[in-house]
């Protein structure tokens, strides 16, 4: 499971760079029964571009936490146009 979308990131010098078709994967999920934190990795041709963390409310009766993390990401404006891959 992963997402795919064009992204824009600033490099170490503050220059905005565009990456077409970046792959977005949930690498790790952990937390408590109430709240989970997902570590999300953005890659381009097997090169890690950046990592970000996102927090979401856990649903103990829902699907596994990794699936819940992807479902949460898709609700965020940042991932509005991301495609499932």
PDB file of N, CA and C in Angstrom:
ATOM      1  N   UNK A   1       0.846  -1.167   0.000  1.00  0.00           N
ATOM      2  CA  UNK A   1       0.000   0.000   0.000  1.00  0.00           C
ATOM      3  C   UNK A   1       0.899   1.240   0.000  1.00  0.00           C
ATOM      4  N   UNK A   2       0.545   2.207  -0.800  1.00  0.00           N
ATOM      5  CA  UNK A   2       1.284   3.466  -0.886  1.00  0.00           C
ATOM      6  C   UNK A   2       0.422   4.490  -1.605  1.00  0.00           C
ATOM      7  N   UNK A   3       0.873   5.717  -1.559  1.00  0.00           N
ATOM      8  CA  UNK A   3       0.240   6.797  -2.295  1.00  0.00           C
ATOM      9  C   UNK A   3       1.256   7.368  -3.273  1.00  0.00           C
ATOM     10  N   UNK A   4       0.758   8.017  -4.327  1.00  0.00           N
ATOM     11  CA  UNK A   4       1.646   8.620  -5.317  1.00  0.00           C
ATOM     12  C   UNK A   4       1.110  10.003  -5.659  1.00  0.00           C
ATOM     13  N   UNK A   5       2.023  10.986  -5.684  1.00  0.00           N
ATOM     14  CA  UNK A   5       1.611  12.334  -6.081  1.00  0.00           C
ATOM     15  C   UNK A   5       2.837  13.185  -6.361  1.00  0.00           C
ATOM     16  N   UNK A   6       2.635  14.267  -7.073  1.00  0.00           N
ATOM     17  CA  UNK A   6       3.689  15.237  -7.305  1.00  0.00           C
ATOM     18  C   UNK A   6       3.834  16.068  -6.032  1.00  0.00           C
ATOM     19  N   UNK A   7       5.077  16.255  -5.597  1.00  0.00           N
ATOM     20  CA  UNK A   7       5.303  17.030  -4.379  1.00  0.00           C
ATOM     21  C   UNK A   7       6.341  18.108  -4.622  1.00  0.00           C
ATOM     22  N   UNK A   8       6.359  19.061  -3.733  1.00  0.00           N
ATOM     23  CA  UNK A   8       7.311  20.155  -3.770  1.00  0.00           C
ATOM     24  C   UNK A   8       7.982  20.227  -2.403  1.00  0.00           C
ATOM     25  N   UNK A   9       9.318  20.213  -2.390  1.00  0.00           N
ATOM     26  CA  UNK A   9      10.074  20.260  -1.143  1.00  0.00           C
ATOM     27  C   UNK A   9      11.174  21.304  -1.246  1.00  0.00           C
ATOM     28  N   UNK A  10      11.517  21.889  -0.097  1.00  0.00           N
ATOM     29  CA  UNK A  10      12.646  22.814  -0.069  1.00  0.00           C
ATOM     30  C   UNK A  10      13.912  22.031   0.276  1.00  0.00           C
ATOM     31  N   UNK A  11      15.012  22.328  -0.443  1.00  0.00           N
ATOM     32  CA  UNK A  11      16.278  21.678  -0.132  1.00  0.00           C
ATOM     33  C   UNK A  11      16.967  22.407   1.022  1.00  0.00           C
ATOM     34  N   UNK A  12      18.177  22.003   1.354  1.00  0.00           N
ATOM     35  CA  UNK A  12      18.907  22.591   2.483  1.00  0.00           C
ATOM     36  C   UNK A  12      19.210  24.072   2.302  1.00  0.00           C
ATOM     37  N   UNK A  13      19.119  24.563   1.082  1.00  0.00           N
ATOM     38  CA  UNK A  13      19.394  25.968   0.789  1.00  0.00           C
ATOM     39  C   UNK A  13      18.116  26.783   0.650  1.00  0.00           C
ATOM     40  N   UNK A  14      16.967  26.155   0.910  1.00  0.00           N
ATOM     41  CA  UNK A  14      15.685  26.841   0.823  1.00  0.00           C
ATOM     42  C   UNK A  14      15.118  26.935  -0.575  1.00  0.00           C
ATOM     43  N   UNK A  15      15.728  26.213  -1.520  1.00  0.00           N
ATOM     44  CA  UNK A  15      15.255  26.232  -2.900  1.00  0.00           C
ATOM     45  C   UNK A  15      14.157  25.186  -3.068  1.00  0.00           C
ATOM     46  N   UNK A  16      13.035  25.614  -3.616  1.00  0.00           N
ATOM     47  CA  UNK A  16      11.898  24.725  -3.849  1.00  0.00           C
ATOM     48  C   UNK A  16      12.198  23.799  -5.026  1.00  0.00           C
ATOM     49  N   UNK A  17      12.015  22.493  -4.812  1.00  0.00           N
ATOM     50  CA  UNK A  17      12.241  21.503  -5.873  1.00  0.00           C
ATOM     51  C   UNK A  17      10.981  20.691  -6.060  1.00  0.00           C
ATOM     52  N   UNK A  18      10.686  20.374  -7.310  1.00  0.00           N
ATOM     53  CA  UNK A  18       9.504  19.599  -7.664  1.00  0.00           C
ATOM     54  C   UNK A  18       9.903  18.138  -7.900  1.00  0.00           C
ATOM     55  N   UNK A  19       9.074  17.221  -7.410  1.00  0.00           N
ATOM     56  CA  UNK A  19       9.298  15.797  -7.618  1.00  0.00           C
ATOM     57  C   UNK A  19       8.001  15.187  -8.156  1.00  0.00           C
ATOM     58  N   UNK A  20       8.028  14.797  -9.403  1.00  0.00           N
ATOM     59  CA  UNK A  20       6.850  14.206 -10.040  1.00  0.00           C
ATOM     60  C   UNK A  20       6.735  12.739  -9.646  1.00  0.00           C
ATOM     61  N   UNK A  21       5.542  12.329  -9.278  1.00  0.00           N
ATOM     62  CA  UNK A  21       5.286  10.924  -8.984  1.00  0.00           C
ATOM     63  C   UNK A  21       5.997  10.385  -7.762  1.00  0.00           C
ATOM     64  N   UNK A  22       6.142  11.188  -6.729  1.00  0.00           N
ATOM     65  CA  UNK A  22       6.770  10.702  -5.501  1.00  0.00           C
ATOM     66  C   UNK A  22       5.892   9.621  -4.875  1.00  0.00           C
ATOM     67  N   UNK A  23       6.535   8.625  -4.297  1.00  0.00           N
ATOM     68  CA  UNK A  23       5.829   7.546  -3.615  1.00  0.00           C
ATOM     69  C   UNK A  23       5.832   7.851  -2.125  1.00  0.00           C
ATOM     70  N   UNK A  24       4.672   7.725  -1.514  1.00  0.00           N
ATOM     71  CA  UNK A  24       4.482   8.056  -0.105  1.00  0.00           C
ATOM     72  C   UNK A  24       4.071   6.775   0.617  1.00  0.00           C
ATOM     73  N   UNK A  25       4.902   6.357   1.577  1.00  0.00           N
ATOM     74  CA  UNK A  25       4.644   5.106   2.297  1.00  0.00           C
ATOM     75  C   UNK A  25       4.640   5.341   3.795  1.00  0.00           C
ATOM     76  N   UNK A  26       3.736   4.665   4.471  1.00  0.00           N
ATOM     77  CA  UNK A  26       3.736   4.660   5.926  1.00  0.00           C
ATOM     78  C   UNK A  26       4.798   3.643   6.341  1.00  0.00           C
ATOM     79  N   UNK A  27       5.855   4.126   6.976  1.00  0.00           N
ATOM     80  CA  UNK A  27       6.963   3.256   7.346  1.00  0.00           C
ATOM     81  C   UNK A  27       6.775   2.631   8.721  1.00  0.00           C
ATOM     82  N   UNK A  28       6.098   3.359   9.599  1.00  0.00           N
ATOM     83  CA  UNK A  28       5.969   2.883  10.977  1.00  0.00           C
ATOM     84  C   UNK A  28       4.771   3.562  11.628  1.00  0.00           C
ATOM     85  N   UNK A  29       4.073   2.824  12.486  1.00  0.00           N
ATOM     86  CA  UNK A  29       2.958   3.378  13.249  1.00  0.00           C
ATOM     87  C   UNK A  29       3.107   2.909  14.683  1.00  0.00           C
ATOM     88  N   UNK A  30       2.906   3.816  15.611  1.00  0.00           N
ATOM     89  CA  UNK A  30       2.981   3.452  17.023  1.00  0.00           C
ATOM     90  C   UNK A  30       2.284   4.491  17.864  1.00  0.00           C
ATOM     91  N   UNK A  31       1.948   4.113  19.081  1.00  0.00           N
ATOM     92  CA  UNK A  31       1.296   5.063  19.972  1.00  0.00           C
ATOM     93  C   UNK A  31       0.515   4.351  21.043  1.00  0.00           C
ATOM     94  N   UNK A  32      -0.615   4.949  21.398  1.00  0.00           N
ATOM     95  CA  UNK A  32      -1.467   4.416  22.449  1.00  0.00           C
ATOM     96  C   UNK A  32      -2.783   3.936  21.842  1.00  0.00           C
ATOM     97  N   UNK A  33      -3.659   3.441  22.688  1.00  0.00           N
ATOM     98  CA  UNK A  33      -4.978   3.009  22.213  1.00  0.00           C
ATOM     99  C   UNK A  33      -5.787   4.184  21.673  1.00  0.00           C
ATOM    100  N   UNK A  34      -5.502   5.372  22.154  1.00  0.00           N
ATOM    101  CA  UNK A  34      -6.273   6.550  21.746  1.00  0.00           C
ATOM    102  C   UNK A  34      -5.670   7.272  20.556  1.00  0.00           C
ATOM    103  N   UNK A  35      -4.356   7.318  20.475  1.00  0.00           N
ATOM    104  CA  UNK A  35      -3.694   8.129  19.451  1.00  0.00           C
ATOM    105  C   UNK A  35      -2.497   7.380  18.862  1.00  0.00           C
ATOM    106  N   UNK A  36      -2.360   7.458  17.553  1.00  0.00           N
ATOM    107  CA  UNK A  36      -1.258   6.809  16.851  1.00  0.00           C
ATOM    108  C   UNK A  36      -0.456   7.856  16.084  1.00  0.00           C
ATOM    109  N   UNK A  37       0.831   7.622  15.957  1.00  0.00           N
ATOM    110  CA  UNK A  37       1.701   8.479  15.164  1.00  0.00           C
ATOM    111  C   UNK A  37       2.273   7.647  14.034  1.00  0.00           C
ATOM    112  N   UNK A  38       2.141   8.154  12.823  1.00  0.00           N
ATOM    113  CA  UNK A  38       2.654   7.467  11.638  1.00  0.00           C
ATOM    114  C   UNK A  38       3.894   8.201  11.141  1.00  0.00           C
ATOM    115  N   UNK A  39       4.953   7.451  10.881  1.00  0.00           N
ATOM    116  CA  UNK A  39       6.136   7.997  10.222  1.00  0.00           C
ATOM    117  C   UNK A  39       5.967   7.696   8.742  1.00  0.00           C
ATOM    118  N   UNK A  40       5.943   8.754   7.946  1.00  0.00           N
ATOM    119  CA  UNK A  40       5.661   8.647   6.515  1.00  0.00           C
ATOM    120  C   UNK A  40       6.906   9.029   5.733  1.00  0.00           C
ATOM    121  N   UNK A  41       7.283   8.168   4.792  1.00  0.00           N
ATOM    122  CA  UNK A  41       8.486   8.369   3.987  1.00  0.00           C
ATOM    123  C   UNK A  41       8.087   8.742   2.566  1.00  0.00           C
ATOM    124  N   UNK A  42       8.699   9.794   2.041  1.00  0.00           N
ATOM    125  CA  UNK A  42       8.483  10.252   0.671  1.00  0.00           C
ATOM    126  C   UNK A  42       9.713   9.852  -0.140  1.00  0.00           C
ATOM    127  N   UNK A  43       9.529   9.075  -1.206  1.00  0.00           N
ATOM    128  CA  UNK A  43      10.655   8.608  -2.005  1.00  0.00           C
ATOM    129  C   UNK A  43      10.472   8.963  -3.477  1.00  0.00           C
ATOM    130  N   UNK A  44      11.599   8.962  -4.180  1.00  0.00           N
ATOM    131  CA  UNK A  44      11.617   9.198  -5.618  1.00  0.00           C
ATOM    132  C   UNK A  44      12.706   8.298  -6.189  1.00  0.00           C
ATOM    133  N   UNK A  45      12.318   7.268  -6.939  1.00  0.00           N
ATOM    134  CA  UNK A  45      13.295   6.318  -7.500  1.00  0.00           C
ATOM    135  C   UNK A  45      14.191   5.719  -6.426  1.00  0.00           C
ATOM    136  N   UNK A  46      13.575   5.250  -5.347  1.00  0.00           N
ATOM    137  CA  UNK A  46      14.282   4.583  -4.253  1.00  0.00           C
ATOM    138  C   UNK A  46      15.133   5.520  -3.396  1.00  0.00           C
ATOM    139  N   UNK A  47      15.110   6.818  -3.655  1.00  0.00           N
ATOM    140  CA  UNK A  47      15.835   7.781  -2.850  1.00  0.00           C
ATOM    141  C   UNK A  47      14.858   8.436  -1.878  1.00  0.00           C
ATOM    142  N   UNK A  48      15.196   8.418  -0.583  1.00  0.00           N
ATOM    143  CA  UNK A  48      14.338   9.053   0.405  1.00  0.00           C
ATOM    144  C   UNK A  48      14.474  10.567   0.263  1.00  0.00           C
ATOM    145  N   UNK A  49      13.351  11.218   0.017  1.00  0.00           N
ATOM    146  CA  UNK A  49      13.337  12.673  -0.126  1.00  0.00           C
ATOM    147  C   UNK A  49      13.154  13.354   1.219  1.00  0.00           C
ATOM    148  N   UNK A  50      12.233  12.838   2.011  1.00  0.00           N
ATOM    149  CA  UNK A  50      11.973  13.382   3.338  1.00  0.00           C
ATOM    150  C   UNK A  50      11.124  12.402   4.129  1.00  0.00           C
ATOM    151  N   UNK A  51      11.046  12.628   5.419  1.00  0.00           N
ATOM    152  CA  UNK A  51      10.168  11.871   6.311  1.00  0.00           C
ATOM    153  C   UNK A  51       9.362  12.879   7.115  1.00  0.00           C
ATOM    154  N   UNK A  52       8.112  12.552   7.371  1.00  0.00           N
ATOM    155  CA  UNK A  52       7.245  13.401   8.179  1.00  0.00           C
ATOM    156  C   UNK A  52       6.447  12.522   9.126  1.00  0.00           C
ATOM    157  N   UNK A  53       5.984  13.104  10.209  1.00  0.00           N
ATOM    158  CA  UNK A  53       5.123  12.370  11.140  1.00  0.00           C
ATOM    159  C   UNK A  53       3.732  12.994  11.145  1.00  0.00           C
ATOM    160  N   UNK A  54       2.738  12.127  11.295  1.00  0.00           N
ATOM    161  CA  UNK A  54       1.340  12.535  11.341  1.00  0.00           C
ATOM    162  C   UNK A  54       0.678  11.780  12.478  1.00  0.00           C
ATOM    163  N   UNK A  55      -0.178  12.457  13.228  1.00  0.00           N
ATOM    164  CA  UNK A  55      -0.890  11.846  14.345  1.00  0.00           C
ATOM    165  C   UNK A  55      -2.369  11.727  14.001  1.00  0.00           C
ATOM    166  N   UNK A  56      -2.951  10.605  14.386  1.00  0.00           N
ATOM    167  CA  UNK A  56      -4.373  10.384  14.137  1.00  0.00           C
ATOM    168  C   UNK A  56      -4.985   9.626  15.300  1.00  0.00           C
ATOM    169  N   UNK A  57      -6.304   9.753  15.452  1.00  0.00           N
ATOM    170  CA  UNK A  57      -7.033   9.030  16.494  1.00  0.00           C
ATOM    171  C   UNK A  57      -7.149   7.567  16.102  1.00  0.00           C
ATOM    172  N   UNK A  58      -6.816   6.684  17.027  1.00  0.00           N
ATOM    173  CA  UNK A  58      -6.894   5.250  16.767  1.00  0.00           C
ATOM    174  C   UNK A  58      -8.333   4.765  16.895  1.00  0.00           C
ATOM    175  N   UNK A  59      -8.707   3.843  16.026  1.00  0.00           N
ATOM    176  CA  UNK A  59     -10.011   3.192  16.089  1.00  0.00           C
ATOM    177  C   UNK A  59      -9.746   1.711  16.342  1.00  0.00           C
ATOM    178  N   UNK A  60      -9.946   1.279  17.579  1.00  0.00           N
ATOM    179  CA  UNK A  60      -9.636  -0.108  17.945  1.00  0.00           C
ATOM    180  C   UNK A  60     -10.541  -1.111  17.242  1.00  0.00           C
ATOM    181  N   UNK A  61     -11.683  -0.674  16.774  1.00  0.00           N
ATOM    182  CA  UNK A  61     -12.605  -1.565  16.063  1.00  0.00           C
ATOM    183  C   UNK A  61     -12.438  -1.478  14.553  1.00  0.00           C
ATOM    184  N   UNK A  62     -11.534  -0.620  14.090  1.00  0.00           N
ATOM    185  CA  UNK A  62     -11.323  -0.425  12.660  1.00  0.00           C
ATOM    186  C   UNK A  62     -10.247  -1.345  12.119  1.00  0.00           C
ATOM    187  N   UNK A  63      -9.809  -1.066  10.898  1.00  0.00           N
ATOM    188  CA  UNK A  63      -8.742  -1.860  10.288  1.00  0.00           C
ATOM    189  C   UNK A  63      -7.421  -1.649  11.033  1.00  0.00           C
ATOM    190  N   UNK A  64      -6.373  -2.351  10.618  1.00  0.00           N
ATOM    191  CA  UNK A  64      -5.089  -2.209  11.299  1.00  0.00           C
ATOM    192  C   UNK A  64      -4.613  -0.758  11.228  1.00  0.00           C
ATOM    193  N   UNK A  65      -3.693  -0.408  12.118  1.00  0.00           N
ATOM    194  CA  UNK A  65      -3.277   0.987  12.252  1.00  0.00           C
ATOM    195  C   UNK A  65      -2.570   1.525  11.008  1.00  0.00           C
ATOM    196  N   UNK A  66      -1.903   0.677  10.253  1.00  0.00           N
ATOM    197  CA  UNK A  66      -1.256   1.148   9.017  1.00  0.00           C
ATOM    198  C   UNK A  66      -2.327   1.580   8.028  1.00  0.00           C
ATOM    199  N   UNK A  67      -3.359   0.770   7.863  1.00  0.00           N
ATOM    200  CA  UNK A  67      -4.465   1.146   6.969  1.00  0.00           C
ATOM    201  C   UNK A  67      -5.138   2.415   7.472  1.00  0.00           C
ATOM    202  N   UNK A  68      -5.329   2.522   8.779  1.00  0.00           N
ATOM    203  CA  UNK A  68      -5.923   3.727   9.344  1.00  0.00           C
ATOM    204  C   UNK A  68      -5.046   4.951   9.064  1.00  0.00           C
ATOM    205  N   UNK A  69      -3.731   4.773   9.093  1.00  0.00           N
ATOM    206  CA  UNK A  69      -2.822   5.882   8.794  1.00  0.00           C
ATOM    207  C   UNK A  69      -3.029   6.368   7.364  1.00  0.00           C
ATOM    208  N   UNK A  70      -3.108   5.437   6.399  1.00  0.00           N
ATOM    209  CA  UNK A  70      -3.353   5.826   5.000  1.00  0.00           C
ATOM    210  C   UNK A  70      -4.708   6.522   4.860  1.00  0.00           C
ATOM    211  N   UNK A  71      -5.720   5.995   5.531  1.00  0.00           N
ATOM    212  CA  UNK A  71      -7.042   6.620   5.473  1.00  0.00           C
ATOM    213  C   UNK A  71      -6.986   8.043   6.022  1.00  0.00           C
ATOM    214  N   UNK A  72      -6.227   8.238   7.090  1.00  0.00           N
ATOM    215  CA  UNK A  72      -6.086   9.579   7.666  1.00  0.00           C
ATOM    216  C   UNK A  72      -5.359  10.513   6.700  1.00  0.00           C
ATOM    217  N   UNK A  73      -4.270  10.036   6.106  1.00  0.00           N
ATOM    218  CA  UNK A  73      -3.520  10.877   5.171  1.00  0.00           C
ATOM    219  C   UNK A  73      -4.415  11.385   4.057  1.00  0.00           C
ATOM    220  N   UNK A  74      -5.283  10.522   3.551  1.00  0.00           N
ATOM    221  CA  UNK A  74      -6.157  10.900   2.431  1.00  0.00           C
ATOM    222  C   UNK A  74      -7.170  11.971   2.815  1.00  0.00           C
ATOM    223  N   UNK A  75      -7.384  12.208   4.106  1.00  0.00           N
ATOM    224  CA  UNK A  75      -8.306  13.261   4.547  1.00  0.00           C
ATOM    225  C   UNK A  75      -7.612  14.624   4.629  1.00  0.00           C
ATOM    226  N   UNK A  76      -6.295  14.639   4.550  1.00  0.00           N
ATOM    227  CA  UNK A  76      -5.540  15.889   4.681  1.00  0.00           C
ATOM    228  C   UNK A  76      -5.416  16.600   3.345  1.00  0.00           C
ATOM    229  N   UNK A  77      -5.514  17.938   3.339  1.00  0.00           N
ATOM    230  CA  UNK A  77      -5.388  18.695   2.095  1.00  0.00           C
ATOM    231  C   UNK A  77      -4.077  18.399   1.352  1.00  0.00           C
ATOM    232  N   UNK A  78      -3.021  18.149   2.082  1.00  0.00           N
ATOM    233  CA  UNK A  78      -1.704  17.843   1.495  1.00  0.00           C
ATOM    234  C   UNK A  78      -1.749  16.632   0.555  1.00  0.00           C
ATOM    235  N   UNK A  79      -2.675  15.710   0.807  1.00  0.00           N
ATOM    236  CA  UNK A  79      -2.771  14.476   0.036  1.00  0.00           C
ATOM    237  C   UNK A  79      -4.070  14.371  -0.762  1.00  0.00           C
ATOM    238  N   UNK A  80      -4.748  15.482  -0.958  1.00  0.00           N
ATOM    239  CA  UNK A  80      -6.052  15.479  -1.615  1.00  0.00           C
ATOM    240  C   UNK A  80      -6.026  14.841  -2.997  1.00  0.00           C
ATOM    241  N   UNK A  81      -4.967  15.036  -3.739  1.00  0.00           N
ATOM    242  CA  UNK A  81      -4.914  14.506  -5.101  1.00  0.00           C
ATOM    243  C   UNK A  81      -3.978  13.293  -5.232  1.00  0.00           C
ATOM    244  N   UNK A  82      -3.649  12.672  -4.106  1.00  0.00           N
ATOM    245  CA  UNK A  82      -2.769  11.499  -4.141  1.00  0.00           C
ATOM    246  C   UNK A  82      -3.534  10.273  -4.642  1.00  0.00           C
ATOM    247  N   UNK A  83      -2.856   9.441  -5.406  1.00  0.00           N
ATOM    248  CA  UNK A  83      -3.458   8.221  -5.952  1.00  0.00           C
ATOM    249  C   UNK A  83      -2.954   7.001  -5.187  1.00  0.00           C
ATOM    250  N   UNK A  84      -3.811   6.018  -5.008  1.00  0.00           N
ATOM    251  CA  UNK A  84      -3.393   4.746  -4.403  1.00  0.00           C
ATOM    252  C   UNK A  84      -2.528   3.996  -5.406  1.00  0.00           C
ATOM    253  N   UNK A  85      -1.439   3.413  -4.915  1.00  0.00           N
ATOM    254  CA  UNK A  85      -0.610   2.542  -5.751  1.00  0.00           C
ATOM    255  C   UNK A  85      -0.288   1.269  -5.010  1.00  0.00           C
TER     256      UNK A  85
END
